[in-house]
All heavy atoms as atom14 arrays in JSON, in Angstrom:
{
  "sequence": "PCGGAIPPKLIADFAVPESLLVARVTSARIVSPSAREAAMPVTDGG",
  "atom14_mask": [
    [1, 1, 1, 1, 1, 1, 1, 0, 0, 0, 0, 0, 0, 0],
    [1, 1, 1, 1, 1, 1, 0, 0, 0, 0, 0, 0, 0, 0],
    [1, 1, 1, 1, 0, 0, 0, 0, 0, 0, 0, 0, 0, 0],
    [1, 1, 1, 1, 0, 0, 0, 0, 0, 0, 0, 0, 0, 0],
    [1, 1, 1, 1, 1, 0, 0, 0, 0, 0, 0, 0, 0, 0],
    [1, 1, 1, 1, 1, 1, 1, 1, 0, 0, 0, 0, 0, 0],
    [1, 1, 1, 1, 1, 1, 1, 0, 0, 0, 0, 0, 0, 0],
    [1, 1, 1, 1, 1, 1, 1, 0, 0, 0, 0, 0, 0, 0],
    [1, 1, 1, 1, 1, 1, 1, 1, 1, 0, 0, 0, 0, 0],
    [1, 1, 1, 1, 1, 1, 1, 1, 0, 0, 0, 0, 0, 0],
    [1, 1, 1, 1, 1, 1, 1, 1, 0, 0, 0, 0, 0, 0],
    [1, 1, 1, 1, 1, 0, 0, 0, 0, 0, 0, 0, 0, 0],
    [1, 1, 1, 1, 1, 1, 1, 1, 0, 0, 0, 0, 0, 0],
    [1, 1, 1, 1, 1, 1, 1, 1, 1, 1, 1, 0, 0, 0],
    [1, 1, 1, 1, 1, 0, 0, 0, 0, 0, 0, 0, 0, 0],
    [1, 1, 1, 1, 1, 1, 1, 0, 0, 0, 0, 0, 0, 0],
    [1, 1, 1, 1, 1, 1, 1, 0, 0, 0, 0, 0, 0, 0],
    [1, 1, 1, 1, 1, 1, 1, 1, 1, 0, 0, 0, 0, 0],
    [1, 1, 1, 1, 1, 1, 0, 0, 0, 0, 0, 0, 0, 0],
    [1, 1, 1, 1, 1, 1, 1, 1, 0, 0, 0, 0, 0, 0],
    [1, 1, 1, 1, 1, 1, 1, 1, 0, 0, 0, 0, 0, 0],
    [1, 1, 1, 1, 1, 1, 1, 0, 0, 0, 0, 0, 0, 0],
    [1, 1, 1, 1, 1, 0, 0, 0, 0, 0, 0, 0, 0, 0],
    [1, 1, 1, 1, 1, 1, 1, 1, 1, 1, 1, 0, 0, 0],
    [1, 1, 1, 1, 1, 1, 1, 0, 0, 0, 0, 0, 0, 0],
    [1, 1, 1, 1, 1, 1, 1, 0, 0, 0, 0, 0, 0, 0],
    [1, 1, 1, 1, 1, 1, 0, 0, 0, 0, 0, 0, 0, 0],
    [1, 1, 1, 1, 1, 0, 0, 0, 0, 0, 0, 0, 0, 0],
    [1, 1, 1, 1, 1, 1, 1, 1, 1, 1, 1, 0, 0, 0],
    [1, 1, 1, 1, 1, 1, 1, 1, 0, 0, 0, 0, 0, 0],
    [1, 1, 1, 1, 1, 1, 1, 0, 0, 0, 0, 0, 0, 0],
    [1, 1, 1, 1, 1, 1, 0, 0, 0, 0, 0, 0, 0, 0],
    [1, 1, 1, 1, 1, 1, 1, 0, 0, 0, 0, 0, 0, 0],
    [1, 1, 1, 1, 1, 1, 0, 0, 0, 0, 0, 0, 0, 0],
    [1, 1, 1, 1, 1, 0, 0, 0, 0, 0, 0, 0, 0, 0],
    [1, 1, 1, 1, 1, 1, 1, 1, 1, 1, 1, 0, 0, 0],
    [1, 1, 1, 1, 1, 1, 1, 1, 1, 0, 0, 0, 0, 0],
    [1, 1, 1, 1, 1, 0, 0, 0, 0, 0, 0, 0, 0, 0],
    [1, 1, 1, 1, 1, 0, 0, 0, 0, 0, 0, 0, 0, 0],
    [1, 1, 1, 1, 1, 1, 1, 1, 0, 0, 0, 0, 0, 0],
    [1, 1, 1, 1, 1, 1, 1, 0, 0, 0, 0, 0, 0, 0],
    [1, 1, 1, 1, 1, 1, 1, 0, 0, 0, 0, 0, 0, 0],
    [1, 1, 1, 1, 1, 1, 1, 0, 0, 0, 0, 0, 0, 0],
    [1, 1, 1, 1, 1, 1, 1, 1, 0, 0, 0, 0, 0, 0],
    [1, 1, 1, 1, 0, 0, 0, 0, 0, 0, 0, 0, 0, 0],
    [1, 1, 1, 1, 0, 0, 0, 0, 0, 0, 0, 0, 0, 0]
  ],
  "atom14_positions": [
    [[0.83, -1.21, -0.01], [-0.01, 0.01, 0.0], [0.87, 1.27, 0.0], [1.75, 1.39, 0.86], [-0.79, -0.11, 1.31], [0.01, -0.96, 2.2], [0.75, -1.92, 1.28], [0.0, 0.0, 0.0], [0.0, 0.0, 0.0], [0.0, 0.0, 0.0], [0.0, 0.0, 0.0], [0.0, 0.0, 0.0], [0.0, 0.0, 0.0], [0.0, 0.0, 0.0]],
    [[0.65, 2.09, -0.98], [1.59, 3.22, -1.17], [0.88, 4.28, -2.02], [0.2, 3.94, -2.98], [2.84, 2.73, -1.88], [4.02, 4.01, -2.3], [0.0, 0.0, 0.0], [0.0, 0.0, 0.0], [0.0, 0.0, 0.0], [0.0, 0.0, 0.0], [0.0, 0.0, 0.0], [0.0, 0.0, 0.0], [0.0, 0.0, 0.0], [0.0, 0.0, 0.0]],
    [[1.08, 5.57, -1.65], [0.51, 6.64, -2.45], [1.13, 6.71, -3.83], [0.51, 7.19, -4.76], [0.0, 0.0, 0.0], [0.0, 0.0, 0.0], [0.0, 0.0, 0.0], [0.0, 0.0, 0.0], [0.0, 0.0, 0.0], [0.0, 0.0, 0.0], [0.0, 0.0, 0.0], [0.0, 0.0, 0.0], [0.0, 0.0, 0.0], [0.0, 0.0, 0.0]],
    [[2.37, 6.22, -3.99], [2.97, 6.12, -5.29], [3.67, 7.36, -5.79], [3.92, 7.47, -6.99], [0.0, 0.0, 0.0], [0.0, 0.0, 0.0], [0.0, 0.0, 0.0], [0.0, 0.0, 0.0], [0.0, 0.0, 0.0], [0.0, 0.0, 0.0], [0.0, 0.0, 0.0], [0.0, 0.0, 0.0], [0.0, 0.0, 0.0], [0.0, 0.0, 0.0]],
    [[4.01, 8.28, -4.9], [4.64, 9.56, -5.33], [6.16, 9.37, -5.49], [6.79, 8.81, -4.6], [4.36, 10.66, -4.33], [0.0, 0.0, 0.0], [0.0, 0.0, 0.0], [0.0, 0.0, 0.0], [0.0, 0.0, 0.0], [0.0, 0.0, 0.0], [0.0, 0.0, 0.0], [0.0, 0.0, 0.0], [0.0, 0.0, 0.0], [0.0, 0.0, 0.0]],
    [[6.7, 9.86, -6.61], [8.13, 9.88, -6.8], [8.57, 11.22, -7.33], [7.89, 11.84, -8.12], [8.58, 8.76, -7.76], [7.98, 8.95, -9.17], [8.22, 7.38, -7.24], [8.54, 8.01, -10.2], [0.0, 0.0, 0.0], [0.0, 0.0, 0.0], [0.0, 0.0, 0.0], [0.0, 0.0, 0.0], [0.0, 0.0, 0.0], [0.0, 0.0, 0.0]],
    [[9.72, 11.72, -6.85], [10.22, 13.02, -7.31], [10.98, 12.89, -8.64], [11.44, 11.78, -9.02], [11.16, 13.45, -6.21], [11.69, 12.16, -5.69], [10.61, 11.16, -5.8], [0.0, 0.0, 0.0], [0.0, 0.0, 0.0], [0.0, 0.0, 0.0], [0.0, 0.0, 0.0], [0.0, 0.0, 0.0], [0.0, 0.0, 0.0], [0.0, 0.0, 0.0]],
    [[11.09, 13.99, -9.4], [11.89, 13.93, -10.65], [13.29, 13.43, -10.45], [13.89, 12.84, -11.34], [11.84, 15.39, -11.15], [10.57, 15.93, -10.57], [10.44, 15.27, -9.22], [0.0, 0.0, 0.0], [0.0, 0.0, 0.0], [0.0, 0.0, 0.0], [0.0, 0.0, 0.0], [0.0, 0.0, 0.0], [0.0, 0.0, 0.0], [0.0, 0.0, 0.0]],
    [[13.87, 13.7, -9.23], [15.25, 13.21, -8.99], [15.31, 11.72, -9.08], [16.35, 11.17, -9.52], [15.71, 13.71, -7.62], [17.13, 13.34, -7.24], [17.57, 13.98, -5.94], [18.98, 13.54, -5.55], [19.96, 13.89, -6.59], [0.0, 0.0, 0.0], [0.0, 0.0, 0.0], [0.0, 0.0, 0.0], [0.0, 0.0, 0.0], [0.0, 0.0, 0.0]],
    [[14.31, 11.01, -8.64], [14.31, 9.55, -8.76], [14.32, 9.14, -10.2], [15.07, 8.23, -10.61], [13.09, 8.97, -8.03], [12.95, 7.44, -8.04], [12.19, 6.98, -6.79], [12.25, 6.9, -9.25], [0.0, 0.0, 0.0], [0.0, 0.0, 0.0], [0.0, 0.0, 0.0], [0.0, 0.0, 0.0], [0.0, 0.0, 0.0], [0.0, 0.0, 0.0]],
    [[13.48, 9.79, -11.02], [13.42, 9.47, -12.43], [14.77, 9.61, -13.08], [15.2, 8.79, -13.87], [12.35, 10.38, -13.11], [10.95, 10.08, -12.53], [12.39, 10.16, -14.61], [9.89, 11.06, -13.0], [0.0, 0.0, 0.0], [0.0, 0.0, 0.0], [0.0, 0.0, 0.0], [0.0, 0.0, 0.0], [0.0, 0.0, 0.0], [0.0, 0.0, 0.0]],
    [[15.48, 10.7, -12.72], [16.78, 10.95, -13.31], [17.87, 10.04, -12.76], [18.67, 9.46, -13.52], [17.19, 12.42, -13.06], [0.0, 0.0, 0.0], [0.0, 0.0, 0.0], [0.0, 0.0, 0.0], [0.0, 0.0, 0.0], [0.0, 0.0, 0.0], [0.0, 0.0, 0.0], [0.0, 0.0, 0.0], [0.0, 0.0, 0.0], [0.0, 0.0, 0.0]],
    [[17.95, 9.9, -11.42], [19.02, 9.15, -10.8], [18.96, 7.67, -11.1], [19.99, 6.99, -11.13], [19.01, 9.36, -9.28], [19.47, 10.78, -8.9], [19.84, 11.55, -9.78], [19.41, 11.08, -7.68], [0.0, 0.0, 0.0], [0.0, 0.0, 0.0], [0.0, 0.0, 0.0], [0.0, 0.0, 0.0], [0.0, 0.0, 0.0], [0.0, 0.0, 0.0]],
    [[17.74, 7.14, -11.29], [17.61, 5.67, -11.46], [17.11, 5.31, -12.86], [16.67, 4.19, -13.07], [16.65, 5.15, -10.38], [17.21, 5.28, -8.99], [16.86, 6.38, -8.23], [18.1, 4.36, -8.48], [17.38, 6.51, -6.94], [18.62, 4.46, -7.24], [18.26, 5.59, -6.45], [0.0, 0.0, 0.0], [0.0, 0.0, 0.0], [0.0, 0.0, 0.0]],
    [[17.19, 6.29, -13.8], [16.86, 6.0, -15.21], [15.48, 5.34, -15.36], [15.35, 4.31, -16.04], [17.95, 5.18, -15.87], [0.0, 0.0, 0.0], [0.0, 0.0, 0.0], [0.0, 0.0, 0.0], [0.0, 0.0, 0.0], [0.0, 0.0, 0.0], [0.0, 0.0, 0.0], [0.0, 0.0, 0.0], [0.0, 0.0, 0.0], [0.0, 0.0, 0.0]],
    [[14.49, 5.91, -14.7], [13.13, 5.39, -14.79], [12.4, 6.12, -15.92], [12.38, 7.35, -15.97], [12.39, 5.64, -13.47], [10.89, 5.3, -13.6], [13.0, 4.76, -12.34], [0.0, 0.0, 0.0], [0.0, 0.0, 0.0], [0.0, 0.0, 0.0], [0.0, 0.0, 0.0], [0.0, 0.0, 0.0], [0.0, 0.0, 0.0], [0.0, 0.0, 0.0]],
    [[11.86, 5.37, -16.89], [11.16, 6.03, -17.99], [9.87, 6.72, -17.52], [9.11, 6.19, -16.7], [10.86, 4.88, -18.94], [10.82, 3.64, -18.09], [11.83, 3.91, -17.0], [0.0, 0.0, 0.0], [0.0, 0.0, 0.0], [0.0, 0.0, 0.0], [0.0, 0.0, 0.0], [0.0, 0.0, 0.0], [0.0, 0.0, 0.0], [0.0, 0.0, 0.0]],
    [[9.64, 7.9, -18.05], [8.45, 8.64, -17.68], [7.17, 7.95, -18.13], [6.09, 8.3, -17.67], [8.53, 10.08, -18.18], [9.61, 10.88, -17.5], [9.49, 12.4, -17.79], [8.41, 12.82, -18.22], [10.5, 13.11, -17.57], [0.0, 0.0, 0.0], [0.0, 0.0, 0.0], [0.0, 0.0, 0.0], [0.0, 0.0, 0.0], [0.0, 0.0, 0.0]],
    [[7.28, 6.98, -19.01], [6.13, 6.21, -19.47], [5.5, 5.43, -18.29], [4.34, 5.02, -18.37], [6.48, 5.26, -20.58], [7.51, 4.36, -20.19], [0.0, 0.0, 0.0], [0.0, 0.0, 0.0], [0.0, 0.0, 0.0], [0.0, 0.0, 0.0], [0.0, 0.0, 0.0], [0.0, 0.0, 0.0], [0.0, 0.0, 0.0], [0.0, 0.0, 0.0]],
    [[6.26, 5.23, -17.21], [5.75, 4.49, -16.07], [4.84, 5.38, -15.22], [4.11, 4.94, -14.35], [6.86, 3.98, -15.19], [7.58, 2.73, -15.71], [8.77, 2.38, -14.81], [6.65, 1.55, -15.84], [0.0, 0.0, 0.0], [0.0, 0.0, 0.0], [0.0, 0.0, 0.0], [0.0, 0.0, 0.0], [0.0, 0.0, 0.0], [0.0, 0.0, 0.0]],
    [[4.87, 6.72, -15.42], [4.06, 7.63, -14.65], [2.57, 7.49, -15.09], [2.28, 7.54, -16.27], [4.52, 9.1, -14.83], [5.96, 9.39, -14.45], [6.22, 10.89, -14.62], [6.22, 8.95, -13.0], [0.0, 0.0, 0.0], [0.0, 0.0, 0.0], [0.0, 0.0, 0.0], [0.0, 0.0, 0.0], [0.0, 0.0, 0.0], [0.0, 0.0, 0.0]],
    [[1.72, 7.39, -14.12], [0.29, 7.31, -14.39], [-0.38, 8.67, -14.22], [-1.52, 8.86, -14.59], [-0.44, 6.26, -13.56], [0.06, 4.84, -13.93], [-0.2, 6.49, -12.04], [0.0, 0.0, 0.0], [0.0, 0.0, 0.0], [0.0, 0.0, 0.0], [0.0, 0.0, 0.0], [0.0, 0.0, 0.0], [0.0, 0.0, 0.0], [0.0, 0.0, 0.0]],
    [[0.36, 9.61, -13.59], [-0.17, 10.98, -13.42], [1.01, 11.88, -13.07], [2.04, 11.44, -12.58], [-1.21, 11.01, -12.32], [0.0, 0.0, 0.0], [0.0, 0.0, 0.0], [0.0, 0.0, 0.0], [0.0, 0.0, 0.0], [0.0, 0.0, 0.0], [0.0, 0.0, 0.0], [0.0, 0.0, 0.0], [0.0, 0.0, 0.0], [0.0, 0.0, 0.0]],
    [[0.84, 13.15, -13.36], [1.76, 14.2, -12.93], [1.04, 15.16, -12.07], [0.07, 15.81, -12.51], [2.36, 14.94, -14.16], [3.32, 14.14, -15.0], [3.61, 14.9, -16.28], [4.62, 14.21, -17.07], [5.87, 14.63, -17.26], [6.25, 15.75, -16.66], [6.7, 13.97, -18.01], [0.0, 0.0, 0.0], [0.0, 0.0, 0.0], [0.0, 0.0, 0.0]],
    [[1.46, 15.28, -10.82], [0.79, 16.14, -9.87], [1.48, 17.49, -9.88], [2.72, 17.59, -9.77], [0.81, 15.52, -8.45], [0.44, 16.56, -7.41], [-0.11, 14.32, -8.43], [0.0, 0.0, 0.0], [0.0, 0.0, 0.0], [0.0, 0.0, 0.0], [0.0, 0.0, 0.0], [0.0, 0.0, 0.0], [0.0, 0.0, 0.0], [0.0, 0.0, 0.0]],
    [[0.7, 18.57, -9.95], [1.28, 19.91, -10.0], [0.89, 20.77, -8.8], [1.23, 21.94, -8.71], [0.86, 20.63, -11.28], [-0.61, 20.65, -11.38], [1.39, 19.93, -12.52], [0.0, 0.0, 0.0], [0.0, 0.0, 0.0], [0.0, 0.0, 0.0], [0.0, 0.0, 0.0], [0.0, 0.0, 0.0], [0.0, 0.0, 0.0], [0.0, 0.0, 0.0]],
    [[0.12, 20.18, -7.86], [-0.25, 20.91, -6.64], [-0.65, 19.93, -5.58], [-0.92, 18.74, -5.84], [-1.41, 21.9, -6.93], [-2.59, 21.19, -7.2], [0.0, 0.0, 0.0], [0.0, 0.0, 0.0], [0.0, 0.0, 0.0], [0.0, 0.0, 0.0], [0.0, 0.0, 0.0], [0.0, 0.0, 0.0], [0.0, 0.0, 0.0], [0.0, 0.0, 0.0]],
    [[-0.71, 20.43, -4.36], [-1.24, 19.65, -3.22], [-2.26, 20.53, -2.51], [-2.18, 21.78, -2.51], [-0.11, 19.27, -2.28], [0.0, 0.0, 0.0], [0.0, 0.0, 0.0], [0.0, 0.0, 0.0], [0.0, 0.0, 0.0], [0.0, 0.0, 0.0], [0.0, 0.0, 0.0], [0.0, 0.0, 0.0], [0.0, 0.0, 0.0], [0.0, 0.0, 0.0]],
    [[-3.2, 19.87, -1.9], [-4.17, 20.54, -1.07], [-4.11, 19.94, 0.35], [-4.28, 18.73, 0.51], [-5.59, 20.36, -1.63], [-6.65, 21.08, -0.78], [-8.04, 20.97, -1.39], [-8.49, 19.6, -1.45], [-9.8, 19.23, -1.53], [-10.73, 20.14, -1.51], [-10.13, 17.97, -1.6], [0.0, 0.0, 0.0], [0.0, 0.0, 0.0], [0.0, 0.0, 0.0]],
    [[-3.77, 20.77, 1.29], [-3.61, 20.33, 2.69], [-4.88, 20.75, 3.44], [-5.23, 21.94, 3.44], [-2.39, 20.95, 3.36], [-1.16, 20.88, 2.38], [-2.08, 20.26, 4.67], [-0.77, 19.48, 1.99], [0.0, 0.0, 0.0], [0.0, 0.0, 0.0], [0.0, 0.0, 0.0], [0.0, 0.0, 0.0], [0.0, 0.0, 0.0], [0.0, 0.0, 0.0]],
    [[-5.56, 19.81, 4.08], [-6.85, 20.08, 4.7], [-6.72, 19.9, 6.21], [-6.23, 18.87, 6.7], [-7.94, 19.15, 4.13], [-9.3, 19.52, 4.73], [-7.97, 19.2, 2.63], [0.0, 0.0, 0.0], [0.0, 0.0, 0.0], [0.0, 0.0, 0.0], [0.0, 0.0, 0.0], [0.0, 0.0, 0.0], [0.0, 0.0, 0.0], [0.0, 0.0, 0.0]],
    [[-7.19, 20.92, 6.95], [-7.09, 20.94, 8.41], [-8.28, 20.23, 9.04], [-9.24, 19.9, 8.37], [-7.04, 22.39, 8.9], [-8.34, 22.95, 8.89], [0.0, 0.0, 0.0], [0.0, 0.0, 0.0], [0.0, 0.0, 0.0], [0.0, 0.0, 0.0], [0.0, 0.0, 0.0], [0.0, 0.0, 0.0], [0.0, 0.0, 0.0], [0.0, 0.0, 0.0]],
    [[-8.2, 20.0, 10.35], [-9.35, 19.37, 11.02], [-10.65, 20.13, 10.89], [-11.73, 19.51, 10.84], [-8.91, 19.35, 12.51], [-7.42, 19.3, 12.45], [-7.05, 20.18, 11.26], [0.0, 0.0, 0.0], [0.0, 0.0, 0.0], [0.0, 0.0, 0.0], [0.0, 0.0, 0.0], [0.0, 0.0, 0.0], [0.0, 0.0, 0.0], [0.0, 0.0, 0.0]],
    [[-10.59, 21.46, 10.77], [-11.82, 22.25, 10.61], [-12.18, 22.43, 9.16], [-13.04, 23.28, 8.86], [-11.64, 23.62, 11.28], [-10.65, 24.37, 10.56], [0.0, 0.0, 0.0], [0.0, 0.0, 0.0], [0.0, 0.0, 0.0], [0.0, 0.0, 0.0], [0.0, 0.0, 0.0], [0.0, 0.0, 0.0], [0.0, 0.0, 0.0], [0.0, 0.0, 0.0]],
    [[-11.55, 21.71, 8.25], [-11.79, 21.73, 6.82], [-11.28, 22.97, 6.13], [-11.6, 23.23, 4.95], [-13.28, 21.53, 6.51], [0.0, 0.0, 0.0], [0.0, 0.0, 0.0], [0.0, 0.0, 0.0], [0.0, 0.0, 0.0], [0.0, 0.0, 0.0], [0.0, 0.0, 0.0], [0.0, 0.0, 0.0], [0.0, 0.0, 0.0], [0.0, 0.0, 0.0]],
    [[-10.43, 23.73, 6.81], [-9.73, 24.84, 6.14], [-8.65, 24.22, 5.27], [-8.14, 23.15, 5.52], [-9.11, 25.8, 7.13], [-10.18, 26.61, 7.93], [-9.49, 27.51, 8.94], [-10.4, 28.26, 9.73], [-10.75, 29.54, 9.45], [-10.26, 30.14, 8.42], [-11.62, 30.17, 10.25], [0.0, 0.0, 0.0], [0.0, 0.0, 0.0], [0.0, 0.0, 0.0]],
    [[-8.28, 24.94, 4.2], [-7.39, 24.39, 3.22], [-6.16, 25.26, 2.98], [-6.22, 26.48, 3.11], [-8.1, 24.19, 1.89], [-9.29, 23.22, 1.97], [-10.02, 23.14, 0.67], [-9.59, 23.79, -0.32], [-11.05, 22.46, 0.62], [0.0, 0.0, 0.0], [0.0, 0.0, 0.0], [0.0, 0.0, 0.0], [0.0, 0.0, 0.0], [0.0, 0.0, 0.0]],
    [[-5.03, 24.65, 2.67], [-3.84, 25.33, 2.23], [-3.51, 24.8, 0.86], [-3.24, 23.56, 0.71], [-2.7, 25.1, 3.21], [0.0, 0.0, 0.0], [0.0, 0.0, 0.0], [0.0, 0.0, 0.0], [0.0, 0.0, 0.0], [0.0, 0.0, 0.0], [0.0, 0.0, 0.0], [0.0, 0.0, 0.0], [0.0, 0.0, 0.0], [0.0, 0.0, 0.0]],
    [[-3.54, 25.64, -0.15], [-3.18, 25.22, -1.51], [-1.67, 25.38, -1.66], [-1.08, 26.39, -1.33], [-3.92, 26.05, -2.53], [0.0, 0.0, 0.0], [0.0, 0.0, 0.0], [0.0, 0.0, 0.0], [0.0, 0.0, 0.0], [0.0, 0.0, 0.0], [0.0, 0.0, 0.0], [0.0, 0.0, 0.0], [0.0, 0.0, 0.0], [0.0, 0.0, 0.0]],
    [[-1.03, 24.31, -2.18], [0.44, 24.32, -2.34], [0.79, 23.93, -3.79], [1.07, 22.78, -4.1], [1.09, 23.33, -1.37], [0.93, 23.71, 0.08], [1.81, 22.61, 1.2], [3.54, 22.87, 0.7], [0.0, 0.0, 0.0], [0.0, 0.0, 0.0], [0.0, 0.0, 0.0], [0.0, 0.0, 0.0], [0.0, 0.0, 0.0], [0.0, 0.0, 0.0]],
    [[0.79, 24.92, -4.67], [1.21, 24.65, -6.06], [2.67, 24.3, -6.09], [3.48, 24.88, -5.36], [0.92, 25.93, -6.8], [0.94, 26.99, -5.75], [0.41, 26.34, -4.5], [0.0, 0.0, 0.0], [0.0, 0.0, 0.0], [0.0, 0.0, 0.0], [0.0, 0.0, 0.0], [0.0, 0.0, 0.0], [0.0, 0.0, 0.0], [0.0, 0.0, 0.0]],
    [[3.06, 23.35, -6.95], [4.46, 22.99, -7.06], [5.22, 24.15, -7.69], [4.76, 24.71, -8.68], [4.64, 21.72, -7.93], [6.11, 21.32, -8.06], [3.86, 20.56, -7.28], [0.0, 0.0, 0.0], [0.0, 0.0, 0.0], [0.0, 0.0, 0.0], [0.0, 0.0, 0.0], [0.0, 0.0, 0.0], [0.0, 0.0, 0.0], [0.0, 0.0, 0.0]],
    [[6.37, 24.49, -7.11], [7.09, 25.67, -7.53], [7.98, 25.39, -8.74], [8.3, 24.23, -9.05], [7.99, 26.18, -6.4], [8.82, 25.13, -5.98], [7.15, 26.66, -5.22], [0.0, 0.0, 0.0], [0.0, 0.0, 0.0], [0.0, 0.0, 0.0], [0.0, 0.0, 0.0], [0.0, 0.0, 0.0], [0.0, 0.0, 0.0], [0.0, 0.0, 0.0]],
    [[8.29, 26.42, -9.47], [9.27, 26.41, -10.57], [8.9, 25.43, -11.68], [9.77, 24.83, -12.33], [10.67, 26.09, -10.05], [11.19, 27.19, -9.09], [10.74, 28.34, -9.23], [12.0, 26.86, -8.21], [0.0, 0.0, 0.0], [0.0, 0.0, 0.0], [0.0, 0.0, 0.0], [0.0, 0.0, 0.0], [0.0, 0.0, 0.0], [0.0, 0.0, 0.0]],
    [[7.59, 25.21, -11.9], [7.19, 24.36, -12.99], [7.47, 22.86, -12.78], [7.49, 22.1, -13.74], [0.0, 0.0, 0.0], [0.0, 0.0, 0.0], [0.0, 0.0, 0.0], [0.0, 0.0, 0.0], [0.0, 0.0, 0.0], [0.0, 0.0, 0.0], [0.0, 0.0, 0.0], [0.0, 0.0, 0.0], [0.0, 0.0, 0.0], [0.0, 0.0, 0.0]],
    [[7.76, 22.49, -11.55], [8.05, 21.07, -11.28], [6.8, 20.22, -11.2], [5.65, 20.71, -11.4], [0.0, 0.0, 0.0], [0.0, 0.0, 0.0], [0.0, 0.0, 0.0], [0.0, 0.0, 0.0], [0.0, 0.0, 0.0], [0.0, 0.0, 0.0], [0.0, 0.0, 0.0], [0.0, 0.0, 0.0], [0.0, 0.0, 0.0], [0.0, 0.0, 0.0]]
  ]
}
């Protein structure tokens, strides 16, 4: 059981083809106990 997230550094360092990626995530949403949210867009086009 795993969320399946890998950074671009893994792709480069271990020669993993990008064809194995099933999705590219460009942001995260962090949700608090009171349902307030913090939007975290990935910086620098990553």
